[in-house]
Amino acid sequence: MAQDRSNKNLQKAVLQNKDFGSTSFSGSDLRGADFTGSNLTGADLSNVKTGIRPIYVVAIFIIALAISLVSGYIAAKASLTIRGMLDDVSGKIRLAGIISLVIVAFSFLYALRRGGNKTILHVIIPVIIAMAIIAAVFRWSGVGTGIGAFYIAFTVVFVVVMIYIGTVARAAAGNLSNILFVIVAVAGGILGKSITGGIGPVILAVVCALLSKRALNNVKHFALLRRVIFFMTTRFGTSFRNTNLTNADFSNSVLRNTDFSGANLTGAKWGSSKKVNCKINDEIVTDKKKKKHG
């Protein structure tokens, strides 16, 4: 039955298994709304907003920010540790520094190519074991405390942590999440109290930003990260799961973190709408930016 629900605040509204055929939701805020199983044939969904409610976006961002600060600090400490080992007059310590640098660089490159899940299995666990051995050797031989090796191990672990945190933040907060990576670099440099101490956080920030972007672009080997995004969308976003959206009109709408799993989208009109991190047929769909000519 046709209804007029235009220009309404329907955040987190539970609208499951209802008949909204030809209903107008034009201009309404549908963030967090649940239309699972409903009939929206011919519904007017133009100029609507969908996605995660602002209160959840803020909460996710604050948690991500806190973890980002810790990551920046650890990366700065690791950077200074490696630099100290490379500058040491002892050949053994310098060699350990070179090995540590190679391990960290390899971890970053492997993560960029193979994704977060394989990096955990093939790199993170072996690196932790290797750094534990290096730390034990340092303490046993008396050439050091071994604390540097633990900083390096933690840095590699935080690469994966930041990948997931960054991906979740990007999925929830969009471009606002870029500030997380800037904070990692800046805070790490400040805490490191030198340009050298800031190198590690900058590299960490850049790598994590690239990995998060690749996960959101459906690049191969990032299935686990995509499942994290799917969870965010299905748990906190707008749900059109198993709905009938035949001939529905989404013109000029901003569709972010919206779950269309199992929905009938036959004849749906997208017009100049914008889709960002929407789940359609087990894929993350984000409309590409159109290039301006002139």
C-alpha atoms as a PDB file:
ATOM      1  CA  MET A   1       0.000   0.000   0.000  1.00  0.00           C
ATOM      2  CA  ALA A   2       1.409   3.381  -1.038  1.00  0.00           C
ATOM      3  CA  GLN A   3       2.413   5.635   1.854  1.00  0.00           C
ATOM      4  CA  ASP A   4       4.218   8.917   2.260  1.00  0.00           C
ATOM      5  CA  ARG A   5       7.322   8.583   4.428  1.00  0.00           C
ATOM      6  CA  SER A   6       9.331  11.280   2.701  1.00  0.00           C
ATOM      7  CA  ASN A   7      11.743  13.541   4.592  1.00  0.00           C
ATOM      8  CA  LYS A   8      11.558  11.427   7.754  1.00  0.00           C
ATOM      9  CA  ASN A   9      14.239  10.493  10.271  1.00  0.00           C
ATOM     10  CA  LEU A  10      14.059   6.713  10.097  1.00  0.00           C
ATOM     11  CA  GLN A  11      17.460   5.934  11.579  1.00  0.00           C
ATOM     12  CA  LYS A  12      17.507   2.409  13.012  1.00  0.00           C
ATOM     13  CA  ALA A  13      13.825   1.899  12.145  1.00  0.00           C
ATOM     14  CA  VAL A  14      12.734  -1.754  12.086  1.00  0.00           C
ATOM     15  CA  LEU A  15      10.655  -2.125   8.903  1.00  0.00           C
ATOM     16  CA  GLN A  16      10.966  -5.840   8.234  1.00  0.00           C
ATOM     17  CA  ASN A  17       8.543  -7.920   6.156  1.00  0.00           C
ATOM     18  CA  LYS A  18       6.199  -5.042   5.336  1.00  0.00           C
ATOM     19  CA  ASP A  19       4.490  -3.887   2.155  1.00  0.00           C
ATOM     20  CA  PHE A  20       5.898  -0.548   1.029  1.00  0.00           C
ATOM     21  CA  GLY A  21       4.956  -0.875  -2.635  1.00  0.00           C
ATOM     22  CA  SER A  22       5.063   2.581  -4.346  1.00  0.00           C
ATOM     23  CA  THR A  23       5.782   4.240  -0.977  1.00  0.00           C
ATOM     24  CA  SER A  24       7.771   7.477  -1.015  1.00  0.00           C
ATOM     25  CA  PHE A  25      10.840   7.623   1.249  1.00  0.00           C
ATOM     26  CA  SER A  26      12.279  10.541  -0.729  1.00  0.00           C
ATOM     27  CA  GLY A  27      14.737  12.630   1.305  1.00  0.00           C
ATOM     28  CA  SER A  28      14.546  10.380   4.355  1.00  0.00           C
ATOM     29  CA  ASP A  29      17.445   9.368   6.594  1.00  0.00           C
ATOM     30  CA  LEU A  30      17.542   5.562   6.460  1.00  0.00           C
ATOM     31  CA  ARG A  31      20.887   5.020   8.194  1.00  0.00           C
ATOM     32  CA  GLY A  32      20.694   1.833  10.233  1.00  0.00           C
ATOM     33  CA  ALA A  33      17.137   1.068   9.043  1.00  0.00           C
ATOM     34  CA  ASP A  34      16.200  -2.593   8.505  1.00  0.00           C
ATOM     35  CA  PHE A  35      13.912  -3.388   5.529  1.00  0.00           C
ATOM     36  CA  THR A  36      14.740  -7.112   5.481  1.00  0.00           C
ATOM     37  CA  GLY A  37      12.117  -9.125   3.579  1.00  0.00           C
ATOM     38  CA  SER A  38       9.922  -6.128   2.734  1.00  0.00           C
ATOM     39  CA  ASN A  39       8.240  -5.288  -0.561  1.00  0.00           C
ATOM     40  CA  LEU A  40       9.532  -1.997  -1.993  1.00  0.00           C
ATOM     41  CA  THR A  41       8.308  -2.429  -5.556  1.00  0.00           C
ATOM     42  CA  GLY A  42       8.233   0.963  -7.266  1.00  0.00           C
ATOM     43  CA  ALA A  43       9.213   2.750  -4.025  1.00  0.00           C
ATOM     44  CA  ASP A  44      10.625   6.255  -4.265  1.00  0.00           C
ATOM     45  CA  LEU A  45      14.007   6.110  -2.528  1.00  0.00           C
ATOM     46  CA  SER A  46      15.457   9.173  -4.184  1.00  0.00           C
ATOM     47  CA  ASN A  47      17.664  11.546  -2.183  1.00  0.00           C
ATOM     48  CA  VAL A  48      17.849   9.157   0.780  1.00  0.00           C
ATOM     49  CA  LYS A  49      20.822   8.562   3.071  1.00  0.00           C
ATOM     50  CA  THR A  50      21.760   5.017   4.044  1.00  0.00           C
ATOM     51  CA  GLY A  51      24.602   3.480   6.016  1.00  0.00           C
ATOM     52  CA  ILE A  52      25.884   3.435   9.572  1.00  0.00           C
ATOM     53  CA  ARG A  53      24.323   5.759  12.147  1.00  0.00           C
ATOM     54  CA  PRO A  54      26.527   8.758  13.098  1.00  0.00           C
ATOM     55  CA  ILE A  55      26.788   7.668  16.747  1.00  0.00           C
ATOM     56  CA  TYR A  56      28.339   4.356  15.679  1.00  0.00           C
ATOM     57  CA  VAL A  57      30.661   6.069  13.201  1.00  0.00           C
ATOM     58  CA  VAL A  58      31.958   8.310  15.998  1.00  0.00           C
ATOM     59  CA  ALA A  59      32.440   5.346  18.361  1.00  0.00           C
ATOM     60  CA  ILE A  60      34.309   3.335  15.718  1.00  0.00           C
ATOM     61  CA  PHE A  61      36.474   6.332  14.883  1.00  0.00           C
ATOM     62  CA  ILE A  62      37.420   6.968  18.526  1.00  0.00           C
ATOM     63  CA  ILE A  63      38.422   3.321  19.051  1.00  0.00           C
ATOM     64  CA  ALA A  64      40.404   3.325  15.799  1.00  0.00           C
ATOM     65  CA  LEU A  65      42.076   6.585  16.822  1.00  0.00           C
ATOM     66  CA  ALA A  66      43.231   5.161  20.146  1.00  0.00           C
ATOM     67  CA  ILE A  67      44.718   2.080  18.483  1.00  0.00           C
ATOM     68  CA  SER A  68      46.331   4.292  15.842  1.00  0.00           C
ATOM     69  CA  LEU A  69      48.150   6.297  18.535  1.00  0.00           C
ATOM     70  CA  VAL A  70      49.519   3.128  20.116  1.00  0.00           C
ATOM     71  CA  SER A  71      50.581   1.869  16.679  1.00  0.00           C
ATOM     72  CA  GLY A  72      52.409   5.120  15.961  1.00  0.00           C
ATOM     73  CA  TYR A  73      54.278   4.909  19.263  1.00  0.00           C
ATOM     74  CA  ILE A  74      55.352   1.291  18.715  1.00  0.00           C
ATOM     75  CA  ALA A  75      56.422   2.005  15.127  1.00  0.00           C
ATOM     76  CA  ALA A  76      58.525   4.976  16.310  1.00  0.00           C
ATOM     77  CA  LYS A  77      60.246   2.851  18.947  1.00  0.00           C
ATOM     78  CA  ALA A  78      60.953   0.103  16.411  1.00  0.00           C
ATOM     79  CA  SER A  79      62.349   2.625  13.940  1.00  0.00           C
ATOM     80  CA  LEU A  80      64.711   4.076  16.535  1.00  0.00           C
ATOM     81  CA  THR A  81      65.752   0.594  17.650  1.00  0.00           C
ATOM     82  CA  ILE A  82      66.658  -0.504  14.135  1.00  0.00           C
ATOM     83  CA  ARG A  83      68.505   2.766  13.488  1.00  0.00           C
ATOM     84  CA  GLY A  84      70.442   2.304  16.708  1.00  0.00           C
ATOM     85  CA  MET A  85      71.471  -1.223  15.748  1.00  0.00           C
ATOM     86  CA  LEU A  86      72.569  -0.099  12.272  1.00  0.00           C
ATOM     87  CA  ASP A  87      74.744   2.666  13.795  1.00  0.00           C
ATOM     88  CA  ASP A  88      76.319   0.382  16.410  1.00  0.00           C
ATOM     89  CA  VAL A  89      80.054  -0.290  16.111  1.00  0.00           C
ATOM     90  CA  SER A  90      79.539  -3.964  16.907  1.00  0.00           C
ATOM     91  CA  GLY A  91      79.299  -6.078  13.767  1.00  0.00           C
ATOM     92  CA  LYS A  92      76.880  -8.524  15.380  1.00  0.00           C
ATOM     93  CA  ILE A  93      74.446  -5.816  16.442  1.00  0.00           C
ATOM     94  CA  ARG A  94      74.645  -4.130  13.033  1.00  0.00           C
ATOM     95  CA  LEU A  95      73.946  -7.481  11.366  1.00  0.00           C
ATOM     96  CA  ALA A  96      70.938  -7.981  13.640  1.00  0.00           C
ATOM     97  CA  GLY A  97      69.719  -4.518  12.619  1.00  0.00           C
ATOM     98  CA  ILE A  98      70.034  -5.367   8.930  1.00  0.00           C
ATOM     99  CA  ILE A  99      68.164  -8.649   9.454  1.00  0.00           C
ATOM    100  CA  SER A 100      65.439  -6.852  11.406  1.00  0.00           C
ATOM    101  CA  LEU A 101      65.094  -4.207   8.683  1.00  0.00           C
ATOM    102  CA  VAL A 102      64.794  -6.892   6.003  1.00  0.00           C
ATOM    103  CA  ILE A 103      62.168  -8.765   8.038  1.00  0.00           C
ATOM    104  CA  VAL A 104      60.021  -5.658   8.538  1.00  0.00           C
ATOM    105  CA  ALA A 105      60.337  -4.623   4.875  1.00  0.00           C
ATOM    106  CA  PHE A 106      59.448  -8.139   3.743  1.00  0.00           C
ATOM    107  CA  SER A 107      56.412  -8.147   6.058  1.00  0.00           C
ATOM    108  CA  PHE A 108      55.120  -4.905   4.526  1.00  0.00           C
ATOM    109  CA  LEU A 109      55.660  -6.082   0.938  1.00  0.00           C
ATOM    110  CA  TYR A 110      54.128  -9.496   1.622  1.00  0.00           C
ATOM    111  CA  ALA A 111      51.051  -7.922   3.203  1.00  0.00           C
ATOM    112  CA  LEU A 112      50.597  -5.619   0.188  1.00  0.00           C
ATOM    113  CA  ARG A 113      50.735  -8.554  -2.182  1.00  0.00           C
ATOM    114  CA  ARG A 114      49.052 -11.378  -0.294  1.00  0.00           C
ATOM    115  CA  GLY A 115      46.627  -9.668   2.090  1.00  0.00           C
ATOM    116  CA  GLY A 116      46.176  -9.700   5.847  1.00  0.00           C
ATOM    117  CA  ASN A 117      45.090 -13.303   6.461  1.00  0.00           C
ATOM    118  CA  LYS A 118      48.079 -14.928   4.710  1.00  0.00           C
ATOM    119  CA  THR A 119      50.413 -12.384   6.272  1.00  0.00           C
ATOM    120  CA  ILE A 120      49.350 -13.529   9.742  1.00  0.00           C
ATOM    121  CA  LEU A 121      50.088 -17.181   8.956  1.00  0.00           C
ATOM    122  CA  HIS A 122      53.180 -16.843   6.772  1.00  0.00           C
ATOM    123  CA  VAL A 123      54.840 -13.749   8.241  1.00  0.00           C
ATOM    124  CA  ILE A 124      53.534 -12.551  11.608  1.00  0.00           C
ATOM    125  CA  ILE A 125      53.917 -15.837  13.478  1.00  0.00           C
ATOM    126  CA  PRO A 126      57.391 -16.597  12.017  1.00  0.00           C
ATOM    127  CA  VAL A 127      58.519 -13.018  12.727  1.00  0.00           C
ATOM    128  CA  ILE A 128      57.413 -13.214  16.359  1.00  0.00           C
ATOM    129  CA  ILE A 129      59.356 -16.481  16.738  1.00  0.00           C
ATOM    130  CA  ALA A 130      62.407 -14.984  15.006  1.00  0.00           C
ATOM    131  CA  MET A 131      62.352 -11.835  17.136  1.00  0.00           C
ATOM    132  CA  ALA A 132      61.970 -13.921  20.295  1.00  0.00           C
ATOM    133  CA  ILE A 133      65.073 -15.893  19.296  1.00  0.00           C
ATOM    134  CA  ILE A 134      67.010 -12.681  18.553  1.00  0.00           C
ATOM    135  CA  ALA A 135      65.947 -11.212  21.905  1.00  0.00           C
ATOM    136  CA  ALA A 136      67.040 -14.391  23.726  1.00  0.00           C
ATOM    137  CA  VAL A 137      70.415 -14.406  21.945  1.00  0.00           C
ATOM    138  CA  PHE A 138      70.969 -10.731  22.816  1.00  0.00           C
ATOM    139  CA  ARG A 139      70.238 -11.334  26.486  1.00  0.00           C
ATOM    140  CA  TRP A 140      72.239 -14.539  26.614  1.00  0.00           C
ATOM    141  CA  SER A 141      75.286 -13.003  24.924  1.00  0.00           C
ATOM    142  CA  GLY A 142      75.055  -9.827  26.998  1.00  0.00           C
ATOM    143  CA  VAL A 143      75.144  -7.498  23.962  1.00  0.00           C
ATOM    144  CA  GLY A 144      71.708  -6.096  24.655  1.00  0.00           C
ATOM    145  CA  THR A 145      68.450  -6.406  26.551  1.00  0.00           C
ATOM    146  CA  GLY A 146      66.477  -7.772  23.606  1.00  0.00           C
ATOM    147  CA  ILE A 147      63.768  -5.139  24.056  1.00  0.00           C
ATOM    148  CA  GLY A 148      64.424  -3.814  20.551  1.00  0.00           C
ATOM    149  CA  ALA A 149      63.499  -7.159  19.022  1.00  0.00           C
ATOM    150  CA  PHE A 150      60.194  -7.063  20.853  1.00  0.00           C
ATOM    151  CA  TYR A 151      59.480  -3.558  19.523  1.00  0.00           C
ATOM    152  CA  ILE A 152      60.128  -4.830  16.008  1.00  0.00           C
ATOM    153  CA  ALA A 153      57.865  -7.847  16.534  1.00  0.00           C
ATOM    154  CA  PHE A 154      55.114  -5.606  17.866  1.00  0.00           C
ATOM    155  CA  THR A 155      55.498  -3.308  14.852  1.00  0.00           C
ATOM    156  CA  VAL A 156      54.867  -6.195  12.465  1.00  0.00           C
ATOM    157  CA  VAL A 157      51.872  -7.291  14.545  1.00  0.00           C
ATOM    158  CA  PHE A 158      50.500  -3.751  14.491  1.00  0.00           C
ATOM    159  CA  VAL A 159      50.767  -3.721  10.706  1.00  0.00           C
ATOM    160  CA  VAL A 160      47.999  -6.303  10.620  1.00  0.00           C
ATOM    161  CA  VAL A 161      46.075  -4.626  13.460  1.00  0.00           C
ATOM    162  CA  MET A 162      46.204  -1.289  11.646  1.00  0.00           C
ATOM    163  CA  ILE A 163      45.154  -2.911   8.368  1.00  0.00           C
ATOM    164  CA  TYR A 164      41.958  -4.145   9.974  1.00  0.00           C
ATOM    165  CA  ILE A 165      41.344  -1.010  12.032  1.00  0.00           C
ATOM    166  CA  GLY A 166      42.015   1.169   8.992  1.00  0.00           C
ATOM    167  CA  THR A 167      39.711  -0.891   6.806  1.00  0.00           C
ATOM    168  CA  VAL A 168      36.889  -0.755   9.352  1.00  0.00           C
ATOM    169  CA  ALA A 169      37.384   3.002   9.789  1.00  0.00           C
ATOM    170  CA  ARG A 170      37.398   3.571   6.017  1.00  0.00           C
ATOM    171  CA  ALA A 171      34.244   1.497   5.619  1.00  0.00           C
ATOM    172  CA  ALA A 172      32.463   3.375   8.405  1.00  0.00           C
ATOM    173  CA  ALA A 173      33.846   6.904   8.210  1.00  0.00           C
ATOM    174  CA  GLY A 174      34.938   7.220   4.577  1.00  0.00           C
ATOM    175  CA  ASN A 175      37.520   9.912   3.843  1.00  0.00           C
ATOM    176  CA  LEU A 176      37.439  11.016   7.480  1.00  0.00           C
ATOM    177  CA  SER A 177      39.415   7.871   8.286  1.00  0.00           C
ATOM    178  CA  ASN A 178      42.445   9.229   6.410  1.00  0.00           C
ATOM    179  CA  ILE A 179      43.179  11.282   9.502  1.00  0.00           C
ATOM    180  CA  LEU A 180      44.020   8.052  11.334  1.00  0.00           C
ATOM    181  CA  PHE A 181      46.999   7.413   9.097  1.00  0.00           C
ATOM    182  CA  VAL A 182      48.154  11.009   9.400  1.00  0.00           C
ATOM    183  CA  ILE A 183      47.962  10.720  13.190  1.00  0.00           C
ATOM    184  CA  VAL A 184      50.032   7.523  13.124  1.00  0.00           C
ATOM    185  CA  ALA A 185      52.787   9.336  11.252  1.00  0.00           C
ATOM    186  CA  VAL A 186      52.679  12.603  13.216  1.00  0.00           C
ATOM    187  CA  ALA A 187      52.256  11.062  16.670  1.00  0.00           C
ATOM    188  CA  GLY A 188      54.989   8.534  15.972  1.00  0.00           C
ATOM    189  CA  GLY A 189      57.373  11.284  14.961  1.00  0.00           C
ATOM    190  CA  ILE A 190      56.598  13.330  18.060  1.00  0.00           C
ATOM    191  CA  LEU A 191      56.909  10.361  20.390  1.00  0.00           C
ATOM    192  CA  GLY A 192      60.086   9.271  18.630  1.00  0.00           C
ATOM    193  CA  LYS A 193      61.448  12.801  19.279  1.00  0.00           C
ATOM    194  CA  SER A 194      63.377  12.801  16.023  1.00  0.00           C
ATOM    195  CA  ILE A 195      62.988  12.601  12.264  1.00  0.00           C
ATOM    196  CA  THR A 196      64.476   9.116  12.417  1.00  0.00           C
ATOM    197  CA  GLY A 197      61.817   8.029  14.902  1.00  0.00           C
ATOM    198  CA  GLY A 198      59.113   9.266  12.549  1.00  0.00           C
ATOM    199  CA  ILE A 199      60.205   7.140   9.596  1.00  0.00           C
ATOM    200  CA  GLY A 200      58.655   3.950  10.956  1.00  0.00           C
ATOM    201  CA  PRO A 201      55.210   5.456  11.629  1.00  0.00           C
ATOM    202  CA  VAL A 202      55.150   7.106   8.198  1.00  0.00           C
ATOM    203  CA  ILE A 203      55.895   3.784   6.481  1.00  0.00           C
ATOM    204  CA  LEU A 204      53.314   2.026   8.670  1.00  0.00           C
ATOM    205  CA  ALA A 205      50.690   4.666   7.847  1.00  0.00           C
ATOM    206  CA  VAL A 206      51.308   4.489   4.093  1.00  0.00           C
ATOM    207  CA  VAL A 207      51.291   0.683   3.975  1.00  0.00           C
ATOM    208  CA  CYS A 208      48.114   0.406   6.043  1.00  0.00           C
ATOM    209  CA  ALA A 209      46.340   3.041   3.930  1.00  0.00           C
ATOM    210  CA  LEU A 210      47.226   1.157   0.740  1.00  0.00           C
ATOM    211  CA  LEU A 211      46.101  -2.176   2.177  1.00  0.00           C
ATOM    212  CA  SER A 212      42.782  -0.780   3.379  1.00  0.00           C
ATOM    213  CA  LYS A 213      42.155   0.700  -0.055  1.00  0.00           C
ATOM    214  CA  ARG A 214      42.934  -2.594  -1.783  1.00  0.00           C
ATOM    215  CA  ALA A 215      40.563  -4.488   0.500  1.00  0.00           C
ATOM    216  CA  LEU A 216      37.725  -2.079  -0.307  1.00  0.00           C
ATOM    217  CA  ASN A 217      38.436  -2.428  -4.038  1.00  0.00           C
ATOM    218  CA  ASN A 218      37.878  -6.214  -4.035  1.00  0.00           C
ATOM    219  CA  VAL A 219      41.527  -7.002  -4.802  1.00  0.00           C
ATOM    220  CA  LYS A 220      42.374 -10.722  -4.714  1.00  0.00           C
ATOM    221  CA  HIS A 221      43.735 -12.187  -1.437  1.00  0.00           C
ATOM    222  CA  PHE A 222      41.831  -9.718   0.749  1.00  0.00           C
ATOM    223  CA  ALA A 223      38.773 -11.907   1.407  1.00  0.00           C
ATOM    224  CA  LEU A 224      39.179 -11.812   5.193  1.00  0.00           C
ATOM    225  CA  LEU A 225      39.251  -8.018   5.212  1.00  0.00           C
ATOM    226  CA  ARG A 226      36.171  -7.957   3.013  1.00  0.00           C
ATOM    227  CA  ARG A 227      34.391 -10.148   5.536  1.00  0.00           C
ATOM    228  CA  VAL A 228      35.182  -7.516   8.155  1.00  0.00           C
ATOM    229  CA  ILE A 229      33.539  -4.902   5.924  1.00  0.00           C
ATOM    230  CA  PHE A 230      30.569  -7.212   5.317  1.00  0.00           C
ATOM    231  CA  PHE A 231      30.152  -7.544   9.085  1.00  0.00           C
ATOM    232  CA  MET A 232      30.198  -3.771   9.524  1.00  0.00           C
ATOM    233  CA  THR A 233      27.610  -3.328   6.780  1.00  0.00           C
ATOM    234  CA  THR A 234      25.258  -6.103   7.875  1.00  0.00           C
ATOM    235  CA  ARG A 235      25.538  -5.297  11.591  1.00  0.00           C
ATOM    236  CA  PHE A 236      25.371  -1.500  11.577  1.00  0.00           C
ATOM    237  CA  GLY A 237      24.386  -0.353   8.077  1.00  0.00           C
ATOM    238  CA  THR A 238      21.060  -0.167   6.220  1.00  0.00           C
ATOM    239  CA  SER A 239      19.551  -3.526   5.304  1.00  0.00           C
ATOM    240  CA  PHE A 240      17.642  -4.302   2.115  1.00  0.00           C
ATOM    241  CA  ARG A 241      18.310  -8.020   2.477  1.00  0.00           C
ATOM    242  CA  ASN A 242      15.845 -10.204   0.573  1.00  0.00           C
ATOM    243  CA  THR A 243      13.697  -7.211  -0.344  1.00  0.00           C
ATOM    244  CA  ASN A 244      11.781  -6.702  -3.587  1.00  0.00           C
ATOM    245  CA  LEU A 245      13.201  -3.500  -5.069  1.00  0.00           C
ATOM    246  CA  THR A 246      11.749  -3.966  -8.546  1.00  0.00           C
ATOM    247  CA  ASN A 247      11.544  -0.555 -10.287  1.00  0.00           C
ATOM    248  CA  ALA A 248      12.574   1.235  -7.070  1.00  0.00           C
ATOM    249  CA  ASP A 249      14.056   4.692  -7.652  1.00  0.00           C
ATOM    250  CA  PHE A 250      17.357   5.503  -5.872  1.00  0.00           C
ATOM    251  CA  SER A 251      18.136   8.633  -7.900  1.00  0.00           C
ATOM    252  CA  ASN A 252      20.401  11.203  -6.198  1.00  0.00           C
ATOM    253  CA  SER A 253      20.776   9.025  -3.096  1.00  0.00           C
ATOM    254  CA  VAL A 254      23.931   8.443  -1.047  1.00  0.00           C
ATOM    255  CA  LEU A 255      24.059   4.694  -0.450  1.00  0.00           C
ATOM    256  CA  ARG A 256      26.838   3.833   1.998  1.00  0.00           C
ATOM    257  CA  ASN A 257      27.295   0.523   3.849  1.00  0.00           C
ATOM    258  CA  THR A 258      24.036  -0.855   2.506  1.00  0.00           C
ATOM    259  CA  ASP A 259      23.276  -4.585   2.317  1.00  0.00           C
ATOM    260  CA  PHE A 260      21.419  -5.651  -0.841  1.00  0.00           C
ATOM    261  CA  SER A 261      22.042  -9.386  -0.329  1.00  0.00           C
ATOM    262  CA  GLY A 262      19.297 -11.438  -1.997  1.00  0.00           C
ATOM    263  CA  ALA A 263      17.389  -8.324  -3.074  1.00  0.00           C
ATOM    264  CA  ASN A 264      15.481  -8.220  -6.371  1.00  0.00           C
ATOM    265  CA  LEU A 265      16.951  -5.184  -8.118  1.00  0.00           C
ATOM    266  CA  THR A 266      15.220  -5.722 -11.476  1.00  0.00           C
ATOM    267  CA  GLY A 267      14.542  -2.363 -13.095  1.00  0.00           C
ATOM    268  CA  ALA A 268      15.954  -0.403 -10.145  1.00  0.00           C
ATOM    269  CA  LYS A 269      16.777   3.168 -11.139  1.00  0.00           C
ATOM    270  CA  TRP A 270      20.116   4.377  -9.775  1.00  0.00           C
ATOM    271  CA  GLY A 271      20.191   7.719 -11.595  1.00  0.00           C
ATOM    272  CA  SER A 272      23.010   9.841 -10.177  1.00  0.00           C
ATOM    273  CA  SER A 273      23.071   7.990  -6.864  1.00  0.00           C
ATOM    274  CA  LYS A 274      26.377   7.143  -5.204  1.00  0.00           C
ATOM    275  CA  LYS A 275      27.168   3.669  -3.855  1.00  0.00           C
ATOM    276  CA  VAL A 276      29.981   3.312  -1.311  1.00  0.00           C
ATOM    277  CA  ASN A 277      30.884  -0.044   0.282  1.00  0.00           C
ATOM    278  CA  CYS A 278      27.538  -1.611  -0.563  1.00  0.00           C
ATOM    279  CA  LYS A 279      27.145  -5.381  -0.422  1.00  0.00           C
ATOM    280  CA  ILE A 280      25.664  -6.735  -3.656  1.00  0.00           C
ATOM    281  CA  ASN A 281      26.004 -10.419  -4.602  1.00  0.00           C
ATOM    282  CA  ASP A 282      28.838 -10.990  -2.109  1.00  0.00           C
ATOM    283  CA  GLU A 283      30.851  -8.130  -3.583  1.00  0.00           C
ATOM    284  CA  ILE A 284      31.771  -4.738  -2.164  1.00  0.00           C
ATOM    285  CA  VAL A 285      30.424  -2.206  -4.649  1.00  0.00           C
ATOM    286  CA  THR A 286      31.724   1.359  -4.766  1.00  0.00           C
ATOM    287  CA  ASP A 287      30.943   3.593  -7.711  1.00  0.00           C
ATOM    288  CA  LYS A 288      34.041   4.885  -9.433  1.00  0.00           C
ATOM    289  CA  LYS A 289      34.521   8.627  -9.544  1.00  0.00           C
ATOM    290  CA  LYS A 290      33.663  10.061 -12.907  1.00  0.00           C
ATOM    291  CA  LYS A 291      36.365  12.112 -14.538  1.00  0.00           C
ATOM    292  CA  LYS A 292      35.467  15.656 -15.392  1.00  0.00           C
ATOM    293  CA  HIS A 293      36.238  16.845 -18.873  1.00  0.00           C
ATOM    294  CA  GLY A 294      36.588  20.383 -19.993  1.00  0.00           C
END
